[in-house]
Amino acid sequence: MRKPESVEVTTPRLYVGNLSFDAVESDLLELFSGVGIVQNVEVVSNRQTQRSKGFAFVQMQTIDEAKRAVAELHDKEYMGRKLVVSGAKAADRRDEREERPVQAEQSLQPEQ
């Protein structure tokens, strides 16, 4: 099994991996509330089967709380599995302008 890379905590958003497939949002809310204020929990599921993919994202209120969550919960056994808790990678979102063809981009520019 490939070991997930550790991502530095630079935002309050955390990645939680090696999660039990039985874990739901309320389980993680309860677990992470022991460390700080939880803003949001999202267990990632397969669209067709609705079954958990075994990882989630947890949004803490502050970066300090996120760092404390990593320190306290990473490698902790939870529901029979050792959790992987680290900073979440930034989402790779391109803005719409980058996805438009060059011709459309040029036609949007005012004529001189």
PDB file of N, CA and C in Angstrom:
ATOM      1  N   MET A   1       0.835  -1.183   0.000  1.00  0.00           N
ATOM      2  CA  MET A   1       0.000   0.000   0.000  1.00  0.00           C
ATOM      3  C   MET A   1       0.880   1.248   0.000  1.00  0.00           C
ATOM      4  N   ARG A   2       0.570   2.177  -0.883  1.00  0.00           N
ATOM      5  CA  ARG A   2       1.344   3.416  -0.983  1.00  0.00           C
ATOM      6  C   ARG A   2       1.006   4.328   0.187  1.00  0.00           C
ATOM      7  N   LYS A   3       2.021   4.874   0.825  1.00  0.00           N
ATOM      8  CA  LYS A   3       1.796   5.769   1.947  1.00  0.00           C
ATOM      9  C   LYS A   3       1.470   7.161   1.410  1.00  0.00           C
ATOM     10  N   PRO A   4       0.345   7.747   1.860  1.00  0.00           N
ATOM     11  CA  PRO A   4      -0.008   9.084   1.368  1.00  0.00           C
ATOM     12  C   PRO A   4       1.025  10.108   1.796  1.00  0.00           C
ATOM     13  N   GLU A   5       1.222  11.095   0.936  1.00  0.00           N
ATOM     14  CA  GLU A   5       2.188  12.122   1.283  1.00  0.00           C
ATOM     15  C   GLU A   5       1.601  13.044   2.339  1.00  0.00           C
ATOM     16  N   SER A   6       2.457  13.558   3.194  1.00  0.00           N
ATOM     17  CA  SER A   6       2.016  14.482   4.222  1.00  0.00           C
ATOM     18  C   SER A   6       1.988  15.882   3.617  1.00  0.00           C
ATOM     19  N   VAL A   7       0.871  16.551   3.756  1.00  0.00           N
ATOM     20  CA  VAL A   7       0.717  17.896   3.209  1.00  0.00           C
ATOM     21  C   VAL A   7       0.686  18.869   4.378  1.00  0.00           C
ATOM     22  N   GLU A   8       1.497  19.911   4.280  1.00  0.00           N
ATOM     23  CA  GLU A   8       1.578  20.912   5.340  1.00  0.00           C
ATOM     24  C   GLU A   8       0.220  21.590   5.528  1.00  0.00           C
ATOM     25  N   VAL A   9      -0.098  21.901   6.765  1.00  0.00           N
ATOM     26  CA  VAL A   9      -1.364  22.575   7.077  1.00  0.00           C
ATOM     27  C   VAL A   9      -1.178  24.079   6.863  1.00  0.00           C
ATOM     28  N   THR A  10      -1.784  24.597   5.804  1.00  0.00           N
ATOM     29  CA  THR A  10      -1.692  26.029   5.511  1.00  0.00           C
ATOM     30  C   THR A  10      -3.078  26.682   5.488  1.00  0.00           C
ATOM     31  N   THR A  11      -4.123  25.857   5.602  1.00  0.00           N
ATOM     32  CA  THR A  11      -5.501  26.337   5.673  1.00  0.00           C
ATOM     33  C   THR A  11      -6.218  25.496   6.728  1.00  0.00           C
ATOM     34  N   PRO A  12      -7.418  25.903   7.122  1.00  0.00           N
ATOM     35  CA  PRO A  12      -8.158  25.095   8.109  1.00  0.00           C
ATOM     36  C   PRO A  12      -8.750  23.809   7.526  1.00  0.00           C
ATOM     37  N   ARG A  13      -8.593  23.579   6.215  1.00  0.00           N
ATOM     38  CA  ARG A  13      -9.175  22.397   5.563  1.00  0.00           C
ATOM     39  C   ARG A  13      -8.208  21.219   5.660  1.00  0.00           C
ATOM     40  N   LEU A  14      -8.736  20.087   6.128  1.00  0.00           N
ATOM     41  CA  LEU A  14      -7.912  18.888   6.331  1.00  0.00           C
ATOM     42  C   LEU A  14      -8.389  17.734   5.459  1.00  0.00           C
ATOM     43  N   TYR A  15      -7.433  16.907   5.075  1.00  0.00           N
ATOM     44  CA  TYR A  15      -7.707  15.643   4.397  1.00  0.00           C
ATOM     45  C   TYR A  15      -7.686  14.553   5.462  1.00  0.00           C
ATOM     46  N   VAL A  16      -8.665  13.671   5.440  1.00  0.00           N
ATOM     47  CA  VAL A  16      -8.713  12.539   6.367  1.00  0.00           C
ATOM     48  C   VAL A  16      -8.801  11.278   5.519  1.00  0.00           C
ATOM     49  N   GLY A  17      -7.745  10.480   5.548  1.00  0.00           N
ATOM     50  CA  GLY A  17      -7.693   9.278   4.733  1.00  0.00           C
ATOM     51  C   GLY A  17      -7.652   8.015   5.569  1.00  0.00           C
ATOM     52  N   ASN A  18      -7.686   6.868   4.880  1.00  0.00           N
ATOM     53  CA  ASN A  18      -7.729   5.540   5.489  1.00  0.00           C
ATOM     54  C   ASN A  18      -8.906   5.437   6.449  1.00  0.00           C
ATOM     55  N   LEU A  19     -10.012   6.041   6.028  1.00  0.00           N
ATOM     56  CA  LEU A  19     -11.213   6.126   6.836  1.00  0.00           C
ATOM     57  C   LEU A  19     -12.038   4.852   6.667  1.00  0.00           C
ATOM     58  N   SER A  20     -12.628   4.393   7.751  1.00  0.00           N
ATOM     59  CA  SER A  20     -13.535   3.247   7.672  1.00  0.00           C
ATOM     60  C   SER A  20     -14.652   3.576   6.691  1.00  0.00           C
ATOM     61  N   PHE A  21     -15.037   2.610   5.872  1.00  0.00           N
ATOM     62  CA  PHE A  21     -16.118   2.820   4.912  1.00  0.00           C
ATOM     63  C   PHE A  21     -17.459   3.015   5.615  1.00  0.00           C
ATOM     64  N   ASP A  22     -17.507   2.685   6.904  1.00  0.00           N
ATOM     65  CA  ASP A  22     -18.732   2.857   7.687  1.00  0.00           C
ATOM     66  C   ASP A  22     -18.840   4.235   8.327  1.00  0.00           C
ATOM     67  N   ALA A  23     -17.757   5.008   8.320  1.00  0.00           N
ATOM     68  CA  ALA A  23     -17.757   6.326   8.966  1.00  0.00           C
ATOM     69  C   ALA A  23     -18.625   7.306   8.174  1.00  0.00           C
ATOM     70  N   VAL A  24     -19.418   8.081   8.901  1.00  0.00           N
ATOM     71  CA  VAL A  24     -20.267   9.102   8.280  1.00  0.00           C
ATOM     72  C   VAL A  24     -19.890  10.466   8.856  1.00  0.00           C
ATOM     73  N   GLU A  25     -20.463  11.528   8.274  1.00  0.00           N
ATOM     74  CA  GLU A  25     -20.122  12.885   8.674  1.00  0.00           C
ATOM     75  C   GLU A  25     -20.244  13.105  10.189  1.00  0.00           C
ATOM     76  N   SER A  26     -21.315  12.599  10.785  1.00  0.00           N
ATOM     77  CA  SER A  26     -21.520  12.830  12.225  1.00  0.00           C
ATOM     78  C   SER A  26     -20.414  12.178  13.074  1.00  0.00           C
ATOM     79  N   ASP A  27     -19.873  11.048  12.604  1.00  0.00           N
ATOM     80  CA  ASP A  27     -18.760  10.409  13.327  1.00  0.00           C
ATOM     81  C   ASP A  27     -17.545  11.332  13.352  1.00  0.00           C
ATOM     82  N   LEU A  28     -17.228  11.887  12.188  1.00  0.00           N
ATOM     83  CA  LEU A  28     -16.057  12.758  12.100  1.00  0.00           C
ATOM     84  C   LEU A  28     -16.283  14.080  12.824  1.00  0.00           C
ATOM     85  N   LEU A  29     -17.501  14.585  12.769  1.00  0.00           N
ATOM     86  CA  LEU A  29     -17.829  15.813  13.494  1.00  0.00           C
ATOM     87  C   LEU A  29     -17.564  15.614  14.985  1.00  0.00           C
ATOM     88  N   GLU A  30     -17.999  14.486  15.506  1.00  0.00           N
ATOM     89  CA  GLU A  30     -17.787  14.187  16.923  1.00  0.00           C
ATOM     90  C   GLU A  30     -16.297  14.039  17.236  1.00  0.00           C
ATOM     91  N   LEU A  31     -15.567  13.297  16.400  1.00  0.00           N
ATOM     92  CA  LEU A  31     -14.142  13.075  16.633  1.00  0.00           C
ATOM     93  C   LEU A  31     -13.357  14.385  16.608  1.00  0.00           C
ATOM     94  N   PHE A  32     -13.550  15.190  15.565  1.00  0.00           N
ATOM     95  CA  PHE A  32     -12.766  16.417  15.404  1.00  0.00           C
ATOM     96  C   PHE A  32     -13.221  17.533  16.346  1.00  0.00           C
ATOM     97  N   SER A  33     -14.446  17.462  16.859  1.00  0.00           N
ATOM     98  CA  SER A  33     -14.926  18.460  17.823  1.00  0.00           C
ATOM     99  C   SER A  33     -14.156  18.376  19.133  1.00  0.00           C
ATOM    100  N   GLY A  34     -13.528  17.239  19.391  1.00  0.00           N
ATOM    101  CA  GLY A  34     -12.693  17.102  20.577  1.00  0.00           C
ATOM    102  C   GLY A  34     -11.412  17.912  20.481  1.00  0.00           C
ATOM    103  N   VAL A  35     -11.105  18.409  19.300  1.00  0.00           N
ATOM    104  CA  VAL A  35      -9.867  19.154  19.064  1.00  0.00           C
ATOM    105  C   VAL A  35     -10.146  20.651  18.895  1.00  0.00           C
ATOM    106  N   GLY A  36     -11.310  20.989  18.334  1.00  0.00           N
ATOM    107  CA  GLY A  36     -11.632  22.387  18.080  1.00  0.00           C
ATOM    108  C   GLY A  36     -13.005  22.505  17.439  1.00  0.00           C
ATOM    109  N   ILE A  37     -13.280  23.681  16.911  1.00  0.00           N
ATOM    110  CA  ILE A  37     -14.584  23.933  16.293  1.00  0.00           C
ATOM    111  C   ILE A  37     -14.560  23.474  14.840  1.00  0.00           C
ATOM    112  N   VAL A  38     -15.499  22.599  14.501  1.00  0.00           N
ATOM    113  CA  VAL A  38     -15.597  22.046  13.148  1.00  0.00           C
ATOM    114  C   VAL A  38     -16.610  22.863  12.354  1.00  0.00           C
ATOM    115  N   GLN A  39     -16.174  23.378  11.205  1.00  0.00           N
ATOM    116  CA  GLN A  39     -17.053  24.161  10.341  1.00  0.00           C
ATOM    117  C   GLN A  39     -17.850  23.270   9.390  1.00  0.00           C
ATOM    118  N   ASN A  40     -17.179  22.223   8.858  1.00  0.00           N
ATOM    119  CA  ASN A  40     -17.807  21.392   7.834  1.00  0.00           C
ATOM    120  C   ASN A  40     -17.111  20.039   7.756  1.00  0.00           C
ATOM    121  N   VAL A  41     -17.889  18.998   7.444  1.00  0.00           N
ATOM    122  CA  VAL A  41     -17.347  17.660   7.226  1.00  0.00           C
ATOM    123  C   VAL A  41     -17.956  17.126   5.939  1.00  0.00           C
ATOM    124  N   GLU A  42     -17.098  16.569   5.076  1.00  0.00           N
ATOM    125  CA  GLU A  42     -17.586  15.994   3.822  1.00  0.00           C
ATOM    126  C   GLU A  42     -16.909  14.646   3.598  1.00  0.00           C
ATOM    127  N   VAL A  43     -17.680  13.554   3.744  1.00  0.00           N
ATOM    128  CA  VAL A  43     -17.167  12.227   3.418  1.00  0.00           C
ATOM    129  C   VAL A  43     -17.389  12.044   1.920  1.00  0.00           C
ATOM    130  N   VAL A  44     -16.332  11.722   1.200  1.00  0.00           N
ATOM    131  CA  VAL A  44     -16.417  11.588  -0.255  1.00  0.00           C
ATOM    132  C   VAL A  44     -16.968  10.209  -0.594  1.00  0.00           C
ATOM    133  N   SER A  45     -18.027  10.210  -1.423  1.00  0.00           N
ATOM    134  CA  SER A  45     -18.712   8.962  -1.778  1.00  0.00           C
ATOM    135  C   SER A  45     -18.733   8.762  -3.283  1.00  0.00           C
ATOM    136  N   ASN A  46     -18.856   7.503  -3.679  1.00  0.00           N
ATOM    137  CA  ASN A  46     -19.023   7.149  -5.080  1.00  0.00           C
ATOM    138  C   ASN A  46     -20.409   7.602  -5.523  1.00  0.00           C
ATOM    139  N   ARG A  47     -20.494   8.301  -6.639  1.00  0.00           N
ATOM    140  CA  ARG A  47     -21.788   8.839  -7.093  1.00  0.00           C
ATOM    141  C   ARG A  47     -22.812   7.757  -7.393  1.00  0.00           C
ATOM    142  N   GLN A  48     -22.373   6.657  -8.009  1.00  0.00           N
ATOM    143  CA  GLN A  48     -23.318   5.602  -8.385  1.00  0.00           C
ATOM    144  C   GLN A  48     -23.767   4.771  -7.176  1.00  0.00           C
ATOM    145  N   THR A  49     -22.813   4.365  -6.345  1.00  0.00           N
ATOM    146  CA  THR A  49     -23.145   3.442  -5.251  1.00  0.00           C
ATOM    147  C   THR A  49     -23.445   4.143  -3.935  1.00  0.00           C
ATOM    148  N   GLN A  50     -23.096   5.413  -3.823  1.00  0.00           N
ATOM    149  CA  GLN A  50     -23.243   6.188  -2.584  1.00  0.00           C
ATOM    150  C   GLN A  50     -22.366   5.633  -1.454  1.00  0.00           C
ATOM    151  N   ARG A  51     -21.445   4.718  -1.783  1.00  0.00           N
ATOM    152  CA  ARG A  51     -20.550   4.132  -0.772  1.00  0.00           C
ATOM    153  C   ARG A  51     -19.347   5.047  -0.578  1.00  0.00           C
ATOM    154  N   SER A  52     -18.906   5.190   0.657  1.00  0.00           N
ATOM    155  CA  SER A  52     -17.749   6.019   0.972  1.00  0.00           C
ATOM    156  C   SER A  52     -16.526   5.537   0.200  1.00  0.00           C
ATOM    157  N   LYS A  53     -15.702   6.479  -0.236  1.00  0.00           N
ATOM    158  CA  LYS A  53     -14.441   6.127  -0.901  1.00  0.00           C
ATOM    159  C   LYS A  53     -13.306   5.971   0.112  1.00  0.00           C
ATOM    160  N   GLY A  54     -13.610   6.155   1.395  1.00  0.00           N
ATOM    161  CA  GLY A  54     -12.601   5.947   2.440  1.00  0.00           C
ATOM    162  C   GLY A  54     -11.779   7.186   2.757  1.00  0.00           C
ATOM    163  N   PHE A  55     -12.262   8.353   2.321  1.00  0.00           N
ATOM    164  CA  PHE A  55     -11.591   9.588   2.726  1.00  0.00           C
ATOM    165  C   PHE A  55     -12.606  10.714   2.841  1.00  0.00           C
ATOM    166  N   ALA A  56     -12.173  11.771   3.521  1.00  0.00           N
ATOM    167  CA  ALA A  56     -13.085  12.882   3.790  1.00  0.00           C
ATOM    168  C   ALA A  56     -12.284  14.174   3.898  1.00  0.00           C
ATOM    169  N   PHE A  57     -13.003  15.277   3.948  1.00  0.00           N
ATOM    170  CA  PHE A  57     -12.407  16.585   4.203  1.00  0.00           C
ATOM    171  C   PHE A  57     -13.117  17.189   5.402  1.00  0.00           C
ATOM    172  N   VAL A  58     -12.319  17.745   6.307  1.00  0.00           N
ATOM    173  CA  VAL A  58     -12.860  18.387   7.504  1.00  0.00           C
ATOM    174  C   VAL A  58     -12.349  19.817   7.525  1.00  0.00           C
ATOM    175  N   GLN A  59     -13.270  20.757   7.692  1.00  0.00           N
ATOM    176  CA  GLN A  59     -12.917  22.174   7.758  1.00  0.00           C
ATOM    177  C   GLN A  59     -12.991  22.608   9.216  1.00  0.00           C
ATOM    178  N   MET A  60     -11.840  22.947   9.784  1.00  0.00           N
ATOM    179  CA  MET A  60     -11.807  23.457  11.153  1.00  0.00           C
ATOM    180  C   MET A  60     -11.996  24.980  11.105  1.00  0.00           C
ATOM    181  N   GLN A  61     -12.184  25.604  12.262  1.00  0.00           N
ATOM    182  CA  GLN A  61     -12.402  27.054  12.267  1.00  0.00           C
ATOM    183  C   GLN A  61     -11.114  27.828  12.027  1.00  0.00           C
ATOM    184  N   THR A  62      -9.998  27.351  12.571  1.00  0.00           N
ATOM    185  CA  THR A  62      -8.729  28.080  12.416  1.00  0.00           C
ATOM    186  C   THR A  62      -7.614  27.138  11.963  1.00  0.00           C
ATOM    187  N   ILE A  63      -6.551  27.732  11.456  1.00  0.00           N
ATOM    188  CA  ILE A  63      -5.375  26.947  11.062  1.00  0.00           C
ATOM    189  C   ILE A  63      -4.757  26.279  12.290  1.00  0.00           C
ATOM    190  N   ASP A  64      -4.727  26.990  13.417  1.00  0.00           N
ATOM    191  CA  ASP A  64      -4.169  26.406  14.643  1.00  0.00           C
ATOM    192  C   ASP A  64      -4.937  25.157  15.069  1.00  0.00           C
ATOM    193  N   GLU A  65      -6.271  25.197  14.961  1.00  0.00           N
ATOM    194  CA  GLU A  65      -7.067  24.014  15.307  1.00  0.00           C
ATOM    195  C   GLU A  65      -6.796  22.879  14.316  1.00  0.00           C
ATOM    196  N   ALA A  66      -6.612  23.229  13.053  1.00  0.00           N
ATOM    197  CA  ALA A  66      -6.299  22.209  12.050  1.00  0.00           C
ATOM    198  C   ALA A  66      -4.955  21.554  12.366  1.00  0.00           C
ATOM    199  N   LYS A  67      -3.967  22.351  12.728  1.00  0.00           N
ATOM    200  CA  LYS A  67      -2.651  21.800  13.087  1.00  0.00           C
ATOM    201  C   LYS A  67      -2.753  20.905  14.317  1.00  0.00           C
ATOM    202  N   ARG A  68      -3.554  21.330  15.287  1.00  0.00           N
ATOM    203  CA  ARG A  68      -3.742  20.519  16.502  1.00  0.00           C
ATOM    204  C   ARG A  68      -4.438  19.202  16.155  1.00  0.00           C
ATOM    205  N   ALA A  69      -5.396  19.242  15.230  1.00  0.00           N
ATOM    206  CA  ALA A  69      -6.093  18.020  14.806  1.00  0.00           C
ATOM    207  C   ALA A  69      -5.116  17.038  14.168  1.00  0.00           C
ATOM    208  N   VAL A  70      -4.205  17.544  13.341  1.00  0.00           N
ATOM    209  CA  VAL A  70      -3.199  16.674  12.730  1.00  0.00           C
ATOM    210  C   VAL A  70      -2.316  16.067  13.815  1.00  0.00           C
ATOM    211  N   ALA A  71      -1.861  16.896  14.754  1.00  0.00           N
ATOM    212  CA  ALA A  71      -0.978  16.415  15.821  1.00  0.00           C
ATOM    213  C   ALA A  71      -1.661  15.337  16.671  1.00  0.00           C
ATOM    214  N   GLU A  72      -2.942  15.515  16.946  1.00  0.00           N
ATOM    215  CA  GLU A  72      -3.637  14.595  17.848  1.00  0.00           C
ATOM    216  C   GLU A  72      -4.272  13.386  17.163  1.00  0.00           C
ATOM    217  N   LEU A  73      -4.689  13.549  15.905  1.00  0.00           N
ATOM    218  CA  LEU A  73      -5.480  12.494  15.276  1.00  0.00           C
ATOM    219  C   LEU A  73      -4.761  11.709  14.185  1.00  0.00           C
ATOM    220  N   HIS A  74      -3.668  12.251  13.628  1.00  0.00           N
ATOM    221  CA  HIS A  74      -2.942  11.500  12.600  1.00  0.00           C
ATOM    222  C   HIS A  74      -2.387  10.218  13.210  1.00  0.00           C
ATOM    223  N   ASP A  75      -2.591   9.112  12.526  1.00  0.00           N
ATOM    224  CA  ASP A  75      -2.102   7.795  12.939  1.00  0.00           C
ATOM    225  C   ASP A  75      -2.876   7.218  14.133  1.00  0.00           C
ATOM    226  N   LYS A  76      -3.977   7.867  14.500  1.00  0.00           N
ATOM    227  CA  LYS A  76      -4.806   7.354  15.589  1.00  0.00           C
ATOM    228  C   LYS A  76      -5.741   6.285  15.036  1.00  0.00           C
ATOM    229  N   GLU A  77      -5.911   5.198  15.793  1.00  0.00           N
ATOM    230  CA  GLU A  77      -6.846   4.164  15.356  1.00  0.00           C
ATOM    231  C   GLU A  77      -8.266   4.645  15.601  1.00  0.00           C
ATOM    232  N   TYR A  78      -9.087   4.554  14.560  1.00  0.00           N
ATOM    233  CA  TYR A  78     -10.474   4.996  14.639  1.00  0.00           C
ATOM    234  C   TYR A  78     -11.327   4.061  13.792  1.00  0.00           C
ATOM    235  N   MET A  79     -12.306   3.444  14.411  1.00  0.00           N
ATOM    236  CA  MET A  79     -13.184   2.479  13.744  1.00  0.00           C
ATOM    237  C   MET A  79     -12.378   1.380  13.044  1.00  0.00           C
ATOM    238  N   GLY A  80     -11.310   0.939  13.726  1.00  0.00           N
ATOM    239  CA  GLY A  80     -10.528  -0.190  13.233  1.00  0.00           C
ATOM    240  C   GLY A  80      -9.461   0.146  12.209  1.00  0.00           C
ATOM    241  N   ARG A  81      -9.235   1.428  11.919  1.00  0.00           N
ATOM    242  CA  ARG A  81      -8.202   1.811  10.935  1.00  0.00           C
ATOM    243  C   ARG A  81      -7.394   2.982  11.468  1.00  0.00           C
ATOM    244  N   LYS A  82      -6.119   3.057  11.069  1.00  0.00           N
ATOM    245  CA  LYS A  82      -5.276   4.185  11.477  1.00  0.00           C
ATOM    246  C   LYS A  82      -5.510   5.349  10.523  1.00  0.00           C
ATOM    247  N   LEU A  83      -5.975   6.453  11.067  1.00  0.00           N
ATOM    248  CA  LEU A  83      -6.301   7.622  10.250  1.00  0.00           C
ATOM    249  C   LEU A  83      -5.062   8.280   9.673  1.00  0.00           C
ATOM    250  N   VAL A  84      -5.217   8.840   8.501  1.00  0.00           N
ATOM    251  CA  VAL A  84      -4.217   9.722   7.896  1.00  0.00           C
ATOM    252  C   VAL A  84      -4.859  11.102   7.925  1.00  0.00           C
ATOM    253  N   VAL A  85      -4.281  12.014   8.688  1.00  0.00           N
ATOM    254  CA  VAL A  85      -4.829  13.372   8.777  1.00  0.00           C
ATOM    255  C   VAL A  85      -3.725  14.339   8.388  1.00  0.00           C
ATOM    256  N   SER A  86      -3.989  15.161   7.369  1.00  0.00           N
ATOM    257  CA  SER A  86      -2.993  16.142   6.931  1.00  0.00           C
ATOM    258  C   SER A  86      -3.706  17.320   6.297  1.00  0.00           C
ATOM    259  N   GLY A  87      -2.922  18.316   5.937  1.00  0.00           N
ATOM    260  CA  GLY A  87      -3.493  19.456   5.226  1.00  0.00           C
ATOM    261  C   GLY A  87      -4.076  18.984   3.906  1.00  0.00           C
ATOM    262  N   ALA A  88      -5.152  19.617   3.470  1.00  0.00           N
ATOM    263  CA  ALA A  88      -5.761  19.267   2.189  1.00  0.00           C
ATOM    264  C   ALA A  88      -5.030  19.999   1.084  1.00  0.00           C
ATOM    265  N   LYS A  89      -4.799  19.309  -0.022  1.00  0.00           N
ATOM    266  CA  LYS A  89      -4.189  19.955  -1.186  1.00  0.00           C
ATOM    267  C   LYS A  89      -5.165  20.980  -1.735  1.00  0.00           C
ATOM    268  N   ALA A  90      -4.650  22.039  -2.295  1.00  0.00           N
ATOM    269  CA  ALA A  90      -5.512  23.047  -2.918  1.00  0.00           C
ATOM    270  C   ALA A  90      -6.222  22.411  -4.104  1.00  0.00           C
ATOM    271  N   ALA A  91      -7.486  22.716  -4.250  1.00  0.00           N
ATOM    272  CA  ALA A  91      -8.259  22.174  -5.379  1.00  0.00           C
ATOM    273  C   ALA A  91      -7.707  22.744  -6.673  1.00  0.00           C
ATOM    274  N   ASP A  92      -7.597  21.900  -7.684  1.00  0.00           N
ATOM    275  CA  ASP A  92      -7.073  22.340  -8.973  1.00  0.00           C
ATOM    276  C   ASP A  92      -8.245  22.821  -9.819  1.00  0.00           C
ATOM    277  N   ARG A  93      -8.612  24.076  -9.623  1.00  0.00           N
ATOM    278  CA  ARG A  93      -9.739  24.634 -10.366  1.00  0.00           C
ATOM    279  C   ARG A  93      -9.232  25.704 -11.314  1.00  0.00           C
ATOM    280  N   ARG A  94      -9.536  25.497 -12.580  1.00  0.00           N
ATOM    281  CA  ARG A  94      -9.172  26.506 -13.568  1.00  0.00           C
ATOM    282  C   ARG A  94     -10.337  27.461 -13.697  1.00  0.00           C
ATOM    283  N   ASP A  95     -10.034  28.743 -13.870  1.00  0.00           N
ATOM    284  CA  ASP A  95     -11.177  29.620 -14.077  1.00  0.00           C
ATOM    285  C   ASP A  95     -11.647  29.478 -15.517  1.00  0.00           C
ATOM    286  N   GLU A  96     -12.867  29.893 -15.770  1.00  0.00           N
ATOM    287  CA  GLU A  96     -13.495  29.650 -17.069  1.00  0.00           C
ATOM    288  C   GLU A  96     -12.728  30.277 -18.220  1.00  0.00           C
ATOM    289  N   ARG A  97     -12.076  31.393 -17.994  1.00  0.00           N
ATOM    290  CA  ARG A  97     -11.347  32.072 -19.075  1.00  0.00           C
ATOM    291  C   ARG A  97     -10.260  31.169 -19.657  1.00  0.00           C
ATOM    292  N   GLU A  98      -9.610  30.374 -18.805  1.00  0.00           N
ATOM    293  CA  GLU A  98      -8.545  29.487 -19.297  1.00  0.00           C
ATOM    294  C   GLU A  98      -9.090  28.383 -20.187  1.00  0.00           C
ATOM    295  N   GLU A  99     -10.352  28.009 -20.008  1.00  0.00           N
ATOM    296  CA  GLU A  99     -10.913  26.889 -20.749  1.00  0.00           C
ATOM    297  C   GLU A  99     -11.537  27.306 -22.083  1.00  0.00           C
ATOM    298  N   ARG A 100     -11.719  28.598 -22.298  1.00  0.00           N
ATOM    299  CA  ARG A 100     -12.298  29.056 -23.561  1.00  0.00           C
ATOM    300  C   ARG A 100     -11.262  28.973 -24.672  1.00  0.00           C
ATOM    301  N   PRO A 101     -11.704  28.707 -25.875  1.00  0.00           N
ATOM    302  CA  PRO A 101     -10.757  28.722 -26.994  1.00  0.00           C
ATOM    303  C   PRO A 101     -10.184  30.126 -27.188  1.00  0.00           C
ATOM    304  N   VAL A 102      -9.009  30.183 -27.763  1.00  0.00           N
ATOM    305  CA  VAL A 102      -8.326  31.462 -27.956  1.00  0.00           C
ATOM    306  C   VAL A 102      -9.164  32.415 -28.800  1.00  0.00           C
ATOM    307  N   GLN A 103      -9.848  31.908 -29.818  1.00  0.00           N
ATOM    308  CA  GLN A 103     -10.661  32.774 -30.679  1.00  0.00           C
ATOM    309  C   GLN A 103     -11.741  33.463 -29.863  1.00  0.00           C
ATOM    310  N   ALA A 104     -12.397  32.730 -28.977  1.00  0.00           N
ATOM    311  CA  ALA A 104     -13.452  33.322 -28.156  1.00  0.00           C
ATOM    312  C   ALA A 104     -12.850  34.379 -27.235  1.00  0.00           C
ATOM    313  N   GLU A 105     -11.679  34.116 -26.747  1.00  0.00           N
ATOM    314  CA  GLU A 105     -10.983  35.052 -25.869  1.00  0.00           C
ATOM    315  C   GLU A 105     -10.735  36.360 -26.616  1.00  0.00           C
ATOM    316  N   GLN A 106     -10.262  36.259 -27.865  1.00  0.00           N
ATOM    317  CA  GLN A 106      -9.955  37.453 -28.649  1.00  0.00           C
ATOM    318  C   GLN A 106     -11.216  38.221 -28.998  1.00  0.00           C
ATOM    319  N   SER A 107     -12.330  37.513 -29.244  1.00  0.00           N
ATOM    320  CA  SER A 107     -13.562  38.200 -29.642  1.00  0.00           C
ATOM    321  C   SER A 107     -14.154  38.984 -28.469  1.00  0.00           C
ATOM    322  N   LEU A 108     -13.736  38.676 -27.243  1.00  0.00           N
ATOM    323  CA  LEU A 108     -14.249  39.405 -26.083  1.00  0.00           C
ATOM    324  C   LEU A 108     -13.539  40.739 -25.868  1.00  0.00           C
ATOM    325  N   GLN A 109     -12.394  40.908 -26.496  1.00  0.00           N
ATOM    326  CA  GLN A 109     -11.626  42.130 -26.297  1.00  0.00           C
ATOM    327  C   GLN A 109     -12.258  43.273 -27.093  1.00  0.00           C
ATOM    328  N   PRO A 110     -12.327  44.463 -26.499  1.00  0.00           N
ATOM    329  CA  PRO A 110     -12.938  45.596 -27.214  1.00  0.00           C
ATOM    330  C   PRO A 110     -12.101  45.984 -28.437  1.00  0.00           C
ATOM    331  N   GLU A 111     -12.819  46.378 -29.479  1.00  0.00           N
ATOM    332  CA  GLU A 111     -12.098  46.795 -30.689  1.00  0.00           C
ATOM    333  C   GLU A 111     -11.505  48.180 -30.462  1.00  0.00           C
ATOM    334  N   GLN A 112     -10.356  48.423 -31.112  1.00  0.00           N
ATOM    335  CA  GLN A 112      -9.680  49.708 -30.924  1.00  0.00           C
ATOM    336  C   GLN A 112      -9.732  50.521 -32.181  1.00  0.00           C
TER     337      GLN A 112
END
